[in-house]
Amino acid sequence: MTTLLSVKQAAFILKVHPLTIRRYIKEEKLKAVKVGGNVRIQENALQDFHKEVTHPTEEQQLYKKVKKI
């Protein structure tokens, strides 16, 4: 069973503000579920999100290069 984290816990792990985590969820960049009226993020989903953000795919890197030109 995976661990569910609160928005505050996820923000602490990623070193961002809790509102940033909520924005990621709203923009569907980070998957979350509502449990009893509270938003929870699965630890696996947070790890996958963090990997994607810190190690962008080759396609994302090309987009950044093209955008700079």
PDB file of N, CA and C in Angstrom:
ATOM      1  N   MET A   1       0.838  -1.185   0.000  1.00  0.00           N
ATOM      2  CA  MET A   1       0.000   0.000   0.000  1.00  0.00           C
ATOM      3  C   MET A   1       0.880   1.245   0.000  1.00  0.00           C
ATOM      4  N   THR A   2       0.512   2.212  -0.818  1.00  0.00           N
ATOM      5  CA  THR A   2       1.326   3.409  -0.922  1.00  0.00           C
ATOM      6  C   THR A   2       0.943   4.423   0.162  1.00  0.00           C
ATOM      7  N   THR A   3       1.891   5.247   0.505  1.00  0.00           N
ATOM      8  CA  THR A   3       1.685   6.275   1.509  1.00  0.00           C
ATOM      9  C   THR A   3       1.010   7.480   0.882  1.00  0.00           C
ATOM     10  N   LEU A   4       0.029   8.044   1.582  1.00  0.00           N
ATOM     11  CA  LEU A   4      -0.632   9.260   1.122  1.00  0.00           C
ATOM     12  C   LEU A   4      -0.058  10.445   1.887  1.00  0.00           C
ATOM     13  N   LEU A   5       0.290  11.484   1.148  1.00  0.00           N
ATOM     14  CA  LEU A   5       0.884  12.679   1.744  1.00  0.00           C
ATOM     15  C   LEU A   5      -0.079  13.854   1.637  1.00  0.00           C
ATOM     16  N   SER A   6      -0.019  14.734   2.606  1.00  0.00           N
ATOM     17  CA  SER A   6      -0.819  15.955   2.541  1.00  0.00           C
ATOM     18  C   SER A   6      -0.131  16.947   1.608  1.00  0.00           C
ATOM     19  N   VAL A   7      -0.840  18.005   1.269  1.00  0.00           N
ATOM     20  CA  VAL A   7      -0.273  19.051   0.420  1.00  0.00           C
ATOM     21  C   VAL A   7       0.938  19.673   1.118  1.00  0.00           C
ATOM     22  N   LYS A   8       0.815  19.893   2.411  1.00  0.00           N
ATOM     23  CA  LYS A   8       1.912  20.492   3.187  1.00  0.00           C
ATOM     24  C   LYS A   8       3.151  19.590   3.187  1.00  0.00           C
ATOM     25  N   GLN A   9       2.952  18.297   3.354  1.00  0.00           N
ATOM     26  CA  GLN A   9       4.073  17.356   3.344  1.00  0.00           C
ATOM     27  C   GLN A   9       4.748  17.323   1.975  1.00  0.00           C
ATOM     28  N   ALA A  10       3.934  17.300   0.906  1.00  0.00           N
ATOM     29  CA  ALA A  10       4.482  17.282  -0.448  1.00  0.00           C
ATOM     30  C   ALA A  10       5.274  18.558  -0.720  1.00  0.00           C
ATOM     31  N   ALA A  11       4.756  19.686  -0.255  1.00  0.00           N
ATOM     32  CA  ALA A  11       5.449  20.966  -0.435  1.00  0.00           C
ATOM     33  C   ALA A  11       6.784  20.957   0.295  1.00  0.00           C
ATOM     34  N   PHE A  12       6.805  20.396   1.488  1.00  0.00           N
ATOM     35  CA  PHE A  12       8.049  20.321   2.263  1.00  0.00           C
ATOM     36  C   PHE A  12       9.084  19.462   1.533  1.00  0.00           C
ATOM     37  N   ILE A  13       8.654  18.343   0.982  1.00  0.00           N
ATOM     38  CA  ILE A  13       9.562  17.432   0.279  1.00  0.00           C
ATOM     39  C   ILE A  13      10.149  18.098  -0.961  1.00  0.00           C
ATOM     40  N   LEU A  14       9.300  18.799  -1.731  1.00  0.00           N
ATOM     41  CA  LEU A  14       9.763  19.438  -2.973  1.00  0.00           C
ATOM     42  C   LEU A  14      10.354  20.832  -2.751  1.00  0.00           C
ATOM     43  N   LYS A  15      10.280  21.310  -1.503  1.00  0.00           N
ATOM     44  CA  LYS A  15      10.799  22.634  -1.141  1.00  0.00           C
ATOM     45  C   LYS A  15      10.120  23.746  -1.938  1.00  0.00           C
ATOM     46  N   VAL A  16       8.789  23.675  -1.979  1.00  0.00           N
ATOM     47  CA  VAL A  16       7.968  24.707  -2.612  1.00  0.00           C
ATOM     48  C   VAL A  16       6.838  25.076  -1.654  1.00  0.00           C
ATOM     49  N   HIS A  17       6.110  26.120  -1.988  1.00  0.00           N
ATOM     50  CA  HIS A  17       4.974  26.552  -1.174  1.00  0.00           C
ATOM     51  C   HIS A  17       3.794  25.605  -1.403  1.00  0.00           C
ATOM     52  N   PRO A  18       2.967  25.379  -0.386  1.00  0.00           N
ATOM     53  CA  PRO A  18       1.795  24.511  -0.569  1.00  0.00           C
ATOM     54  C   PRO A  18       0.864  24.962  -1.699  1.00  0.00           C
ATOM     55  N   LEU A  19       0.767  26.263  -1.933  1.00  0.00           N
ATOM     56  CA  LEU A  19      -0.071  26.736  -3.040  1.00  0.00           C
ATOM     57  C   LEU A  19       0.491  26.301  -4.391  1.00  0.00           C
ATOM     58  N   THR A  20       1.798  26.143  -4.477  1.00  0.00           N
ATOM     59  CA  THR A  20       2.418  25.645  -5.708  1.00  0.00           C
ATOM     60  C   THR A  20       1.987  24.209  -5.959  1.00  0.00           C
ATOM     61  N   ILE A  21       1.946  23.407  -4.915  1.00  0.00           N
ATOM     62  CA  ILE A  21       1.487  22.016  -5.032  1.00  0.00           C
ATOM     63  C   ILE A  21       0.032  21.999  -5.500  1.00  0.00           C
ATOM     64  N   ARG A  22      -0.796  22.846  -4.923  1.00  0.00           N
ATOM     65  CA  ARG A  22      -2.203  22.915  -5.328  1.00  0.00           C
ATOM     66  C   ARG A  22      -2.336  23.341  -6.790  1.00  0.00           C
ATOM     67  N   ARG A  23      -1.460  24.245  -7.246  1.00  0.00           N
ATOM     68  CA  ARG A  23      -1.487  24.675  -8.650  1.00  0.00           C
ATOM     69  C   ARG A  23      -1.095  23.523  -9.567  1.00  0.00           C
ATOM     70  N   TYR A  24      -0.071  22.763  -9.179  1.00  0.00           N
ATOM     71  CA  TYR A  24       0.328  21.594  -9.965  1.00  0.00           C
ATOM     72  C   TYR A  24      -0.830  20.614 -10.089  1.00  0.00           C
ATOM     73  N   ILE A  25      -1.582  20.432  -9.002  1.00  0.00           N
ATOM     74  CA  ILE A  25      -2.722  19.520  -9.015  1.00  0.00           C
ATOM     75  C   ILE A  25      -3.811  20.066  -9.940  1.00  0.00           C
ATOM     76  N   LYS A  26      -4.096  21.350  -9.824  1.00  0.00           N
ATOM     77  CA  LYS A  26      -5.133  21.965 -10.652  1.00  0.00           C
ATOM     78  C   LYS A  26      -4.770  21.895 -12.134  1.00  0.00           C
ATOM     79  N   GLU A  27      -3.489  22.075 -12.461  1.00  0.00           N
ATOM     80  CA  GLU A  27      -3.018  22.010 -13.847  1.00  0.00           C
ATOM     81  C   GLU A  27      -2.829  20.575 -14.318  1.00  0.00           C
ATOM     82  N   GLU A  28      -3.161  19.618 -13.452  1.00  0.00           N
ATOM     83  CA  GLU A  28      -3.051  18.179 -13.726  1.00  0.00           C
ATOM     84  C   GLU A  28      -1.624  17.734 -14.029  1.00  0.00           C
ATOM     85  N   LYS A  29      -0.664  18.437 -13.471  1.00  0.00           N
ATOM     86  CA  LYS A  29       0.731  18.020 -13.580  1.00  0.00           C
ATOM     87  C   LYS A  29       1.064  16.992 -12.501  1.00  0.00           C
ATOM     88  N   LEU A  30       0.325  17.065 -11.391  1.00  0.00           N
ATOM     89  CA  LEU A  30       0.524  16.172 -10.255  1.00  0.00           C
ATOM     90  C   LEU A  30      -0.818  15.538  -9.918  1.00  0.00           C
ATOM     91  N   LYS A  31      -0.825  14.213  -9.826  1.00  0.00           N
ATOM     92  CA  LYS A  31      -2.060  13.492  -9.525  1.00  0.00           C
ATOM     93  C   LYS A  31      -2.318  13.510  -8.026  1.00  0.00           C
ATOM     94  N   ALA A  32      -3.596  13.691  -7.672  1.00  0.00           N
ATOM     95  CA  ALA A  32      -3.988  13.705  -6.269  1.00  0.00           C
ATOM     96  C   ALA A  32      -5.399  13.150  -6.141  1.00  0.00           C
ATOM     97  N   VAL A  33      -5.763  12.795  -4.916  1.00  0.00           N
ATOM     98  CA  VAL A  33      -7.105  12.299  -4.627  1.00  0.00           C
ATOM     99  C   VAL A  33      -7.649  13.048  -3.420  1.00  0.00           C
ATOM    100  N   LYS A  34      -8.969  13.093  -3.338  1.00  0.00           N
ATOM    101  CA  LYS A  34      -9.612  13.687  -2.172  1.00  0.00           C
ATOM    102  C   LYS A  34     -10.044  12.566  -1.245  1.00  0.00           C
ATOM    103  N   VAL A  35      -9.636  12.658   0.000  1.00  0.00           N
ATOM    104  CA  VAL A  35      -9.999  11.662   1.005  1.00  0.00           C
ATOM    105  C   VAL A  35     -10.636  12.407   2.171  1.00  0.00           C
ATOM    106  N   GLY A  36     -11.932  12.202   2.342  1.00  0.00           N
ATOM    107  CA  GLY A  36     -12.621  12.865   3.445  1.00  0.00           C
ATOM    108  C   GLY A  36     -12.550  14.378   3.370  1.00  0.00           C
ATOM    109  N   GLY A  37     -12.537  14.940   2.168  1.00  0.00           N
ATOM    110  CA  GLY A  37     -12.484  16.390   1.994  1.00  0.00           C
ATOM    111  C   GLY A  37     -11.078  16.953   1.976  1.00  0.00           C
ATOM    112  N   ASN A  38     -10.089  16.108   2.207  1.00  0.00           N
ATOM    113  CA  ASN A  38      -8.697  16.553   2.195  1.00  0.00           C
ATOM    114  C   ASN A  38      -7.990  16.041   0.948  1.00  0.00           C
ATOM    115  N   VAL A  39      -7.119  16.860   0.388  1.00  0.00           N
ATOM    116  CA  VAL A  39      -6.359  16.463  -0.792  1.00  0.00           C
ATOM    117  C   VAL A  39      -5.142  15.663  -0.344  1.00  0.00           C
ATOM    118  N   ARG A  40      -4.934  14.523  -0.980  1.00  0.00           N
ATOM    119  CA  ARG A  40      -3.782  13.664  -0.669  1.00  0.00           C
ATOM    120  C   ARG A  40      -3.067  13.293  -1.951  1.00  0.00           C
ATOM    121  N   ILE A  41      -1.752  13.187  -1.854  1.00  0.00           N
ATOM    122  CA  ILE A  41      -0.914  12.825  -2.999  1.00  0.00           C
ATOM    123  C   ILE A  41      -0.214  11.516  -2.663  1.00  0.00           C
ATOM    124  N   GLN A  42      -0.289  10.560  -3.577  1.00  0.00           N
ATOM    125  CA  GLN A  42       0.412   9.301  -3.356  1.00  0.00           C
ATOM    126  C   GLN A  42       1.916   9.553  -3.454  1.00  0.00           C
ATOM    127  N   GLU A  43       2.661   8.899  -2.589  1.00  0.00           N
ATOM    128  CA  GLU A  43       4.111   9.076  -2.557  1.00  0.00           C
ATOM    129  C   GLU A  43       4.736   8.718  -3.907  1.00  0.00           C
ATOM    130  N   ASN A  44       4.231   7.654  -4.545  1.00  0.00           N
ATOM    131  CA  ASN A  44       4.749   7.245  -5.857  1.00  0.00           C
ATOM    132  C   ASN A  44       4.519   8.331  -6.898  1.00  0.00           C
ATOM    133  N   ALA A  45       3.348   8.957  -6.879  1.00  0.00           N
ATOM    134  CA  ALA A  45       3.029  10.024  -7.829  1.00  0.00           C
ATOM    135  C   ALA A  45       3.951  11.216  -7.621  1.00  0.00           C
ATOM    136  N   LEU A  46       4.253  11.529  -6.362  1.00  0.00           N
ATOM    137  CA  LEU A  46       5.156  12.647  -6.065  1.00  0.00           C
ATOM    138  C   LEU A  46       6.565  12.341  -6.554  1.00  0.00           C
ATOM    139  N   GLN A  47       7.020  11.107  -6.360  1.00  0.00           N
ATOM    140  CA  GLN A  47       8.352  10.715  -6.827  1.00  0.00           C
ATOM    141  C   GLN A  47       8.443  10.787  -8.344  1.00  0.00           C
ATOM    142  N   ASP A  48       7.413  10.305  -9.036  1.00  0.00           N
ATOM    143  CA  ASP A  48       7.393  10.367 -10.501  1.00  0.00           C
ATOM    144  C   ASP A  48       7.398  11.812 -10.984  1.00  0.00           C
ATOM    145  N   PHE A  49       6.597  12.660 -10.342  1.00  0.00           N
ATOM    146  CA  PHE A  49       6.543  14.079 -10.697  1.00  0.00           C
ATOM    147  C   PHE A  49       7.911  14.727 -10.498  1.00  0.00           C
ATOM    148  N   HIS A  50       8.543  14.425  -9.384  1.00  0.00           N
ATOM    149  CA  HIS A  50       9.848  15.014  -9.077  1.00  0.00           C
ATOM    150  C   HIS A  50      10.896  14.586 -10.098  1.00  0.00           C
ATOM    151  N   LYS A  51      10.887  13.315 -10.498  1.00  0.00           N
ATOM    152  CA  LYS A  51      11.816  12.831 -11.521  1.00  0.00           C
ATOM    153  C   LYS A  51      11.596  13.551 -12.841  1.00  0.00           C
ATOM    154  N   GLU A  52      10.326  13.731 -13.206  1.00  0.00           N
ATOM    155  CA  GLU A  52       9.991  14.391 -14.474  1.00  0.00           C
ATOM    156  C   GLU A  52      10.444  15.852 -14.469  1.00  0.00           C
ATOM    157  N   VAL A  53      10.300  16.512 -13.337  1.00  0.00           N
ATOM    158  CA  VAL A  53      10.674  17.920 -13.239  1.00  0.00           C
ATOM    159  C   VAL A  53      12.194  18.081 -13.213  1.00  0.00           C
ATOM    160  N   THR A  54      12.882  17.211 -12.485  1.00  0.00           N
ATOM    161  CA  THR A  54      14.334  17.364 -12.352  1.00  0.00           C
ATOM    162  C   THR A  54      15.094  16.768 -13.530  1.00  0.00           C
ATOM    163  N   HIS A  55      14.522  15.780 -14.200  1.00  0.00           N
ATOM    164  CA  HIS A  55      15.155  15.149 -15.354  1.00  0.00           C
ATOM    165  C   HIS A  55      14.195  15.185 -16.533  1.00  0.00           C
ATOM    166  N   PRO A  56      14.107  16.333 -17.207  1.00  0.00           N
ATOM    167  CA  PRO A  56      13.149  16.426 -18.316  1.00  0.00           C
ATOM    168  C   PRO A  56      13.486  15.461 -19.446  1.00  0.00           C
ATOM    169  N   THR A  57      12.445  15.055 -20.168  1.00  0.00           N
ATOM    170  CA  THR A  57      12.645  14.142 -21.285  1.00  0.00           C
ATOM    171  C   THR A  57      13.372  14.861 -22.412  1.00  0.00           C
ATOM    172  N   GLU A  58      13.860  14.102 -23.354  1.00  0.00           N
ATOM    173  CA  GLU A  58      14.590  14.666 -24.488  1.00  0.00           C
ATOM    174  C   GLU A  58      13.706  15.647 -25.269  1.00  0.00           C
ATOM    175  N   GLU A  59      12.426  15.303 -25.407  1.00  0.00           N
ATOM    176  CA  GLU A  59      11.497  16.167 -26.141  1.00  0.00           C
ATOM    177  C   GLU A  59      11.332  17.519 -25.436  1.00  0.00           C
ATOM    178  N   GLN A  60      11.242  17.482 -24.100  1.00  0.00           N
ATOM    179  CA  GLN A  60      11.102  18.720 -23.346  1.00  0.00           C
ATOM    180  C   GLN A  60      12.363  19.572 -23.462  1.00  0.00           C
ATOM    181  N   GLN A  61      13.535  18.940 -23.477  1.00  0.00           N
ATOM    182  CA  GLN A  61      14.779  19.681 -23.608  1.00  0.00           C
ATOM    183  C   GLN A  61      14.873  20.345 -24.973  1.00  0.00           C
ATOM    184  N   LEU A  62      14.448  19.652 -26.024  1.00  0.00           N
ATOM    185  CA  LEU A  62      14.459  20.235 -27.363  1.00  0.00           C
ATOM    186  C   LEU A  62      13.522  21.428 -27.435  1.00  0.00           C
ATOM    187  N   TYR A  63      12.365  21.322 -26.787  1.00  0.00           N
ATOM    188  CA  TYR A  63      11.400  22.413 -26.782  1.00  0.00           C
ATOM    189  C   TYR A  63      12.011  23.654 -26.136  1.00  0.00           C
ATOM    190  N   LYS A  64      12.739  23.457 -25.040  1.00  0.00           N
ATOM    191  CA  LYS A  64      13.370  24.584 -24.360  1.00  0.00           C
ATOM    192  C   LYS A  64      14.421  25.235 -25.255  1.00  0.00           C
ATOM    193  N   LYS A  65      15.188  24.427 -25.992  1.00  0.00           N
ATOM    194  CA  LYS A  65      16.208  24.963 -26.889  1.00  0.00           C
ATOM    195  C   LYS A  65      15.574  25.761 -28.015  1.00  0.00           C
ATOM    196  N   VAL A  66      14.509  25.243 -28.587  1.00  0.00           N
ATOM    197  CA  VAL A  66      13.823  25.921 -29.687  1.00  0.00           C
ATOM    198  C   VAL A  66      13.191  27.216 -29.185  1.00  0.00           C
ATOM    199  N   LYS A  67      12.659  27.187 -27.999  1.00  0.00           N
ATOM    200  CA  LYS A  67      11.991  28.346 -27.432  1.00  0.00           C
ATOM    201  C   LYS A  67      12.979  29.500 -27.216  1.00  0.00           C
ATOM    202  N   LYS A  68      14.219  29.207 -26.880  1.00  0.00           N
ATOM    203  CA  LYS A  68      15.233  30.227 -26.649  1.00  0.00           C
ATOM    204  C   LYS A  68      15.623  30.956 -27.932  1.00  0.00           C
ATOM    205  N   ILE A  69      15.541  30.270 -29.047  1.00  0.00           N
ATOM    206  CA  ILE A  69      15.979  30.847 -30.334  1.00  0.00           C
ATOM    207  C   ILE A  69      15.058  31.885 -30.784  1.00  0.00           C
TER     208      ILE A  69
END
